[in-house]
């Protein structure tokens, strides 16, 4: 099982990622092992989706990082 997830920092910055072990990955983010999130203060998981295989999850992650995906997230996270 793979999880596509969105983190939001206190400043409102979003981080989009994918993993097969969300608790481990969040721990890595909190411990500064990811360069991008090491600069983020107190982030929260604000969105997640689960997929059966890597290819589906990767496709969705890439979509969320696109302009259309950012528009989708803006609408979805606003409500």
N, C-alpha and C. Protein backbone atom coordinates (compact mmCIF):
# COMPACT_ATOMS: atom_id res chain seq x y z
N UNK A 1 0.84 -1.18 0.00
CA UNK A 1 0.00 0.00 0.00
C UNK A 1 0.89 1.24 0.00
N UNK A 2 0.56 2.21 -0.84
CA UNK A 2 1.31 3.46 -0.95
C UNK A 2 0.40 4.62 -0.60
N UNK A 3 0.95 5.61 0.07
CA UNK A 3 0.20 6.78 0.49
C UNK A 3 0.78 8.02 -0.17
N UNK A 4 -0.09 8.81 -0.80
CA UNK A 4 0.27 10.12 -1.31
C UNK A 4 -0.24 11.10 -0.26
N UNK A 5 0.62 12.01 0.19
CA UNK A 5 0.24 12.87 1.30
C UNK A 5 0.67 14.31 1.06
N UNK A 6 -0.02 15.22 1.75
CA UNK A 6 0.28 16.64 1.68
C UNK A 6 0.53 17.14 3.09
N UNK A 7 1.65 17.82 3.28
CA UNK A 7 1.96 18.46 4.55
C UNK A 7 1.80 19.96 4.39
N UNK A 8 1.32 20.62 5.45
CA UNK A 8 1.22 22.08 5.43
C UNK A 8 1.97 22.62 6.65
N UNK A 9 2.83 23.60 6.42
CA UNK A 9 3.58 24.23 7.51
C UNK A 9 2.76 25.35 8.14
N UNK A 10 3.25 25.87 9.25
CA UNK A 10 2.59 27.01 9.89
C UNK A 10 2.52 28.21 8.95
N UNK A 11 3.51 28.33 8.07
CA UNK A 11 3.56 29.44 7.13
C UNK A 11 2.62 29.24 5.94
N UNK A 12 2.00 28.07 5.83
CA UNK A 12 1.09 27.78 4.74
C UNK A 12 1.73 27.09 3.55
N UNK A 13 3.01 26.77 3.63
CA UNK A 13 3.70 26.07 2.54
C UNK A 13 3.23 24.62 2.50
N UNK A 14 3.12 24.07 1.28
CA UNK A 14 2.70 22.68 1.10
C UNK A 14 3.87 21.83 0.63
N UNK A 15 3.90 20.59 1.09
CA UNK A 15 4.87 19.60 0.63
C UNK A 15 4.06 18.40 0.19
N UNK A 16 4.32 17.93 -1.02
CA UNK A 16 3.61 16.77 -1.56
C UNK A 16 4.58 15.61 -1.65
N UNK A 17 4.18 14.45 -1.14
CA UNK A 17 5.06 13.31 -1.15
C UNK A 17 4.31 11.99 -1.26
N UNK A 18 5.10 10.91 -1.33
CA UNK A 18 4.55 9.58 -1.47
C UNK A 18 5.44 8.61 -0.70
N UNK A 19 4.83 7.62 -0.06
CA UNK A 19 5.59 6.65 0.71
C UNK A 19 4.81 5.35 0.84
N UNK A 20 5.52 4.29 1.20
CA UNK A 20 4.83 3.03 1.52
C UNK A 20 4.77 2.82 3.04
N UNK A 21 5.26 3.81 3.82
CA UNK A 21 5.23 3.73 5.27
C UNK A 21 5.12 5.15 5.82
N UNK A 22 3.89 5.62 5.98
CA UNK A 22 3.67 7.02 6.36
C UNK A 22 4.24 7.37 7.74
N UNK A 23 4.06 6.56 8.78
CA UNK A 23 4.63 6.94 10.09
C UNK A 23 6.16 7.10 10.04
N UNK A 24 6.85 6.19 9.33
CA UNK A 24 8.30 6.29 9.21
C UNK A 24 8.69 7.56 8.45
N UNK A 25 7.97 7.85 7.38
CA UNK A 25 8.29 9.01 6.55
C UNK A 25 8.05 10.31 7.31
N UNK A 26 6.97 10.38 8.08
CA UNK A 26 6.71 11.59 8.88
C UNK A 26 7.80 11.78 9.92
N UNK A 27 8.28 10.69 10.49
CA UNK A 27 9.38 10.76 11.45
C UNK A 27 10.64 11.32 10.79
N UNK A 28 10.91 10.89 9.56
CA UNK A 28 12.05 11.41 8.81
C UNK A 28 11.90 12.92 8.58
N UNK A 29 10.68 13.34 8.23
CA UNK A 29 10.44 14.78 8.03
C UNK A 29 10.70 15.54 9.32
N UNK A 30 10.19 15.04 10.42
CA UNK A 30 10.32 15.73 11.71
C UNK A 30 11.78 15.79 12.19
N UNK A 31 12.57 14.81 11.80
CA UNK A 31 13.97 14.77 12.22
C UNK A 31 14.91 15.45 11.24
N UNK A 32 14.35 16.16 10.26
CA UNK A 32 15.17 16.95 9.34
C UNK A 32 15.91 16.15 8.29
N UNK A 33 15.47 14.93 8.00
CA UNK A 33 16.17 14.12 7.02
C UNK A 33 15.76 14.43 5.58
N UNK A 34 14.77 15.30 5.43
CA UNK A 34 14.34 15.76 4.11
C UNK A 34 14.67 17.24 4.03
N UNK A 35 15.46 17.62 3.05
CA UNK A 35 15.95 19.00 2.97
C UNK A 35 14.80 20.01 2.92
N UNK A 36 13.78 19.76 2.12
CA UNK A 36 12.68 20.72 1.98
C UNK A 36 11.92 20.90 3.28
N UNK A 37 11.57 19.82 3.95
CA UNK A 37 10.76 19.94 5.16
C UNK A 37 11.59 20.30 6.38
N UNK A 38 12.90 20.23 6.30
CA UNK A 38 13.73 20.63 7.44
C UNK A 38 13.59 22.13 7.72
N UNK A 39 13.18 22.89 6.71
CA UNK A 39 12.97 24.34 6.87
C UNK A 39 11.53 24.68 7.25
N UNK A 40 10.65 23.68 7.28
CA UNK A 40 9.25 23.92 7.61
C UNK A 40 9.05 23.82 9.12
N UNK A 41 8.26 24.74 9.66
CA UNK A 41 7.96 24.72 11.09
C UNK A 41 6.62 24.05 11.34
N UNK A 42 6.62 23.08 12.25
CA UNK A 42 5.39 22.44 12.72
C UNK A 42 4.39 22.15 11.61
N UNK A 43 4.65 21.13 10.82
CA UNK A 43 3.74 20.80 9.74
C UNK A 43 2.70 19.77 10.19
N UNK A 44 1.60 19.74 9.45
CA UNK A 44 0.52 18.79 9.69
C UNK A 44 0.20 18.07 8.39
N UNK A 45 -0.25 16.82 8.48
CA UNK A 45 -0.77 16.10 7.32
C UNK A 45 -2.17 16.64 7.10
N UNK A 46 -2.39 17.30 5.96
CA UNK A 46 -3.69 17.89 5.70
C UNK A 46 -4.48 17.12 4.65
N UNK A 47 -3.84 16.16 3.98
CA UNK A 47 -4.52 15.40 2.93
C UNK A 47 -3.74 14.12 2.67
N UNK A 48 -4.45 13.02 2.43
CA UNK A 48 -3.77 11.79 2.03
C UNK A 48 -4.71 10.89 1.24
N UNK A 49 -4.12 10.11 0.37
CA UNK A 49 -4.83 9.12 -0.44
C UNK A 49 -4.00 7.86 -0.45
N UNK A 50 -4.65 6.69 -0.50
CA UNK A 50 -3.93 5.42 -0.51
C UNK A 50 -4.15 4.70 -1.84
N UNK A 51 -3.09 4.05 -2.30
CA UNK A 51 -3.11 3.32 -3.56
C UNK A 51 -2.49 1.95 -3.39
N UNK A 52 -2.95 1.01 -4.20
CA UNK A 52 -2.48 -0.37 -4.12
C UNK A 52 -1.06 -0.55 -4.65
N UNK A 53 -0.69 0.23 -5.68
CA UNK A 53 0.64 0.00 -6.25
C UNK A 53 1.39 1.32 -6.47
N UNK A 54 2.68 1.17 -6.65
CA UNK A 54 3.59 2.31 -6.80
C UNK A 54 3.22 3.19 -7.98
N UNK A 55 2.94 2.58 -9.12
CA UNK A 55 2.68 3.35 -10.34
C UNK A 55 1.48 4.28 -10.20
N UNK A 56 0.39 3.80 -9.61
CA UNK A 56 -0.79 4.65 -9.40
C UNK A 56 -0.47 5.80 -8.46
N UNK A 57 0.23 5.49 -7.37
CA UNK A 57 0.57 6.51 -6.38
C UNK A 57 1.50 7.56 -7.00
N UNK A 58 2.47 7.14 -7.75
CA UNK A 58 3.42 8.08 -8.37
C UNK A 58 2.71 8.99 -9.36
N UNK A 59 1.79 8.41 -10.13
CA UNK A 59 1.04 9.20 -11.10
C UNK A 59 0.23 10.28 -10.38
N UNK A 60 -0.40 9.92 -9.26
CA UNK A 60 -1.19 10.88 -8.51
C UNK A 60 -0.31 11.96 -7.88
N UNK A 61 0.85 11.56 -7.35
CA UNK A 61 1.77 12.53 -6.77
C UNK A 61 2.21 13.56 -7.82
N UNK A 62 2.55 13.09 -9.00
CA UNK A 62 2.97 13.99 -10.07
C UNK A 62 1.83 14.92 -10.49
N UNK A 63 0.59 14.39 -10.50
CA UNK A 63 -0.56 15.24 -10.81
C UNK A 63 -0.70 16.35 -9.77
N UNK A 64 -0.60 16.00 -8.49
CA UNK A 64 -0.77 17.00 -7.43
C UNK A 64 0.33 18.08 -7.48
N UNK A 65 1.47 17.74 -8.06
CA UNK A 65 2.55 18.71 -8.20
C UNK A 65 2.40 19.58 -9.44
N UNK A 66 1.44 19.24 -10.31
CA UNK A 66 1.22 20.00 -11.54
C UNK A 66 0.32 21.20 -11.24
N UNK A 67 0.16 22.08 -12.22
CA UNK A 67 -0.71 23.25 -12.06
C UNK A 67 -2.15 22.83 -11.79
N UNK A 68 -2.63 21.83 -12.53
CA UNK A 68 -4.00 21.35 -12.32
C UNK A 68 -4.16 20.75 -10.93
N UNK A 69 -3.14 20.03 -10.47
CA UNK A 69 -3.17 19.44 -9.14
C UNK A 69 -3.15 20.49 -8.04
N UNK A 70 -2.39 21.54 -8.25
CA UNK A 70 -2.36 22.64 -7.28
C UNK A 70 -3.72 23.32 -7.19
N UNK A 71 -4.40 23.48 -8.34
CA UNK A 71 -5.75 24.06 -8.32
C UNK A 71 -6.71 23.14 -7.57
N UNK A 72 -6.60 21.82 -7.81
CA UNK A 72 -7.43 20.84 -7.11
C UNK A 72 -7.21 20.94 -5.60
N UNK A 73 -5.96 21.00 -5.18
CA UNK A 73 -5.65 21.08 -3.75
C UNK A 73 -6.15 22.38 -3.13
N UNK A 74 -6.03 23.46 -3.87
CA UNK A 74 -6.50 24.76 -3.36
C UNK A 74 -7.99 24.69 -3.05
N UNK A 75 -8.76 24.10 -3.98
CA UNK A 75 -10.20 23.96 -3.77
C UNK A 75 -10.50 22.98 -2.64
N UNK A 76 -9.82 21.85 -2.64
CA UNK A 76 -10.08 20.80 -1.67
C UNK A 76 -9.70 21.20 -0.25
N UNK A 77 -8.55 21.83 -0.09
CA UNK A 77 -8.07 22.19 1.24
C UNK A 77 -8.78 23.41 1.80
N UNK A 78 -9.40 24.19 0.95
CA UNK A 78 -10.12 25.36 1.41
C UNK A 78 -11.36 24.97 2.19
N UNK A 79 -12.00 23.87 1.79
CA UNK A 79 -13.24 23.47 2.46
C UNK A 79 -13.00 22.57 3.65
